Amino acid sequence: MSELVIVIIAIAALIVGVIVYGVVSTTMGYEEDVNQNYIPDRLERMLGKEPEKK
């Protein structure tokens, strides 16, 4: 049971880390975020999704 809790915490930390990275990098001007979803466009392209402007 404790392994499941550790895995859930690790996944949540990764998701929060990506969101924090996205917010900080776009507000500082290091990355672009055309569709304003707090995920930098470079990461979206790496995952195979083309960002579209809303």
Protein backbone atom coordinates (compact mmCIF):
# COMPACT_ATOMS: atom_id res chain seq x y z
CA MET A 1 0.00 0.00 0.00
CA SER A 2 2.82 2.41 0.80
CA GLU A 3 4.34 1.80 -2.65
CA LEU A 4 1.11 2.95 -4.25
CA VAL A 5 1.15 6.16 -2.23
CA ILE A 6 4.77 6.82 -3.23
CA VAL A 7 3.94 6.30 -6.92
CA ILE A 8 0.93 8.64 -6.72
CA ILE A 9 3.02 11.32 -4.99
CA ALA A 10 5.77 10.94 -7.61
CA ILE A 11 3.30 11.30 -10.49
CA ALA A 12 1.71 14.36 -8.87
CA ALA A 13 5.16 15.90 -8.35
CA LEU A 14 6.02 15.38 -12.01
CA ILE A 15 2.77 17.00 -13.16
CA VAL A 16 3.21 19.95 -10.81
CA GLY A 17 6.83 20.27 -11.92
CA VAL A 18 5.84 20.52 -15.59
CA ILE A 19 3.19 23.13 -14.80
CA VAL A 20 5.59 25.19 -12.68
CA TYR A 21 8.26 24.94 -15.39
CA GLY A 22 5.72 26.05 -17.99
CA VAL A 23 4.55 29.04 -15.97
CA VAL A 24 8.05 30.20 -15.06
CA SER A 25 9.56 29.68 -18.50
CA THR A 26 6.74 31.45 -20.35
CA THR A 27 6.58 34.41 -17.98
CA MET A 28 10.37 34.86 -18.14
CA GLY A 29 10.26 34.67 -21.95
CA TYR A 30 12.36 31.52 -22.35
CA GLU A 31 9.58 29.50 -24.00
CA GLU A 32 6.50 30.23 -26.09
CA ASP A 33 2.99 29.15 -25.11
CA VAL A 34 0.71 30.01 -28.01
CA ASN A 35 -2.42 28.30 -26.66
CA GLN A 36 -1.94 29.47 -23.04
CA ASN A 37 -2.27 26.02 -21.42
CA TYR A 38 0.86 26.37 -19.23
CA ILE A 39 2.66 23.66 -21.23
CA PRO A 40 5.49 25.10 -23.36
CA ASP A 41 5.07 24.56 -27.09
CA ARG A 42 8.42 22.76 -27.32
CA LEU A 43 7.16 20.04 -24.94
CA GLU A 44 3.89 19.75 -26.87
CA ARG A 45 5.82 19.22 -30.12
CA MET A 46 7.97 16.58 -28.41
CA LEU A 47 4.80 14.72 -27.45
CA GLY A 48 3.53 14.87 -31.03
CA LYS A 49 0.91 17.57 -30.65
CA GLU A 50 0.99 20.74 -32.67
CA PRO A 51 -0.02 23.75 -30.53
CA GLU A 52 -2.88 25.79 -31.94
CA LYS A 53 -3.63 29.38 -31.07
CA LYS A 54 -7.02 29.80 -29.40
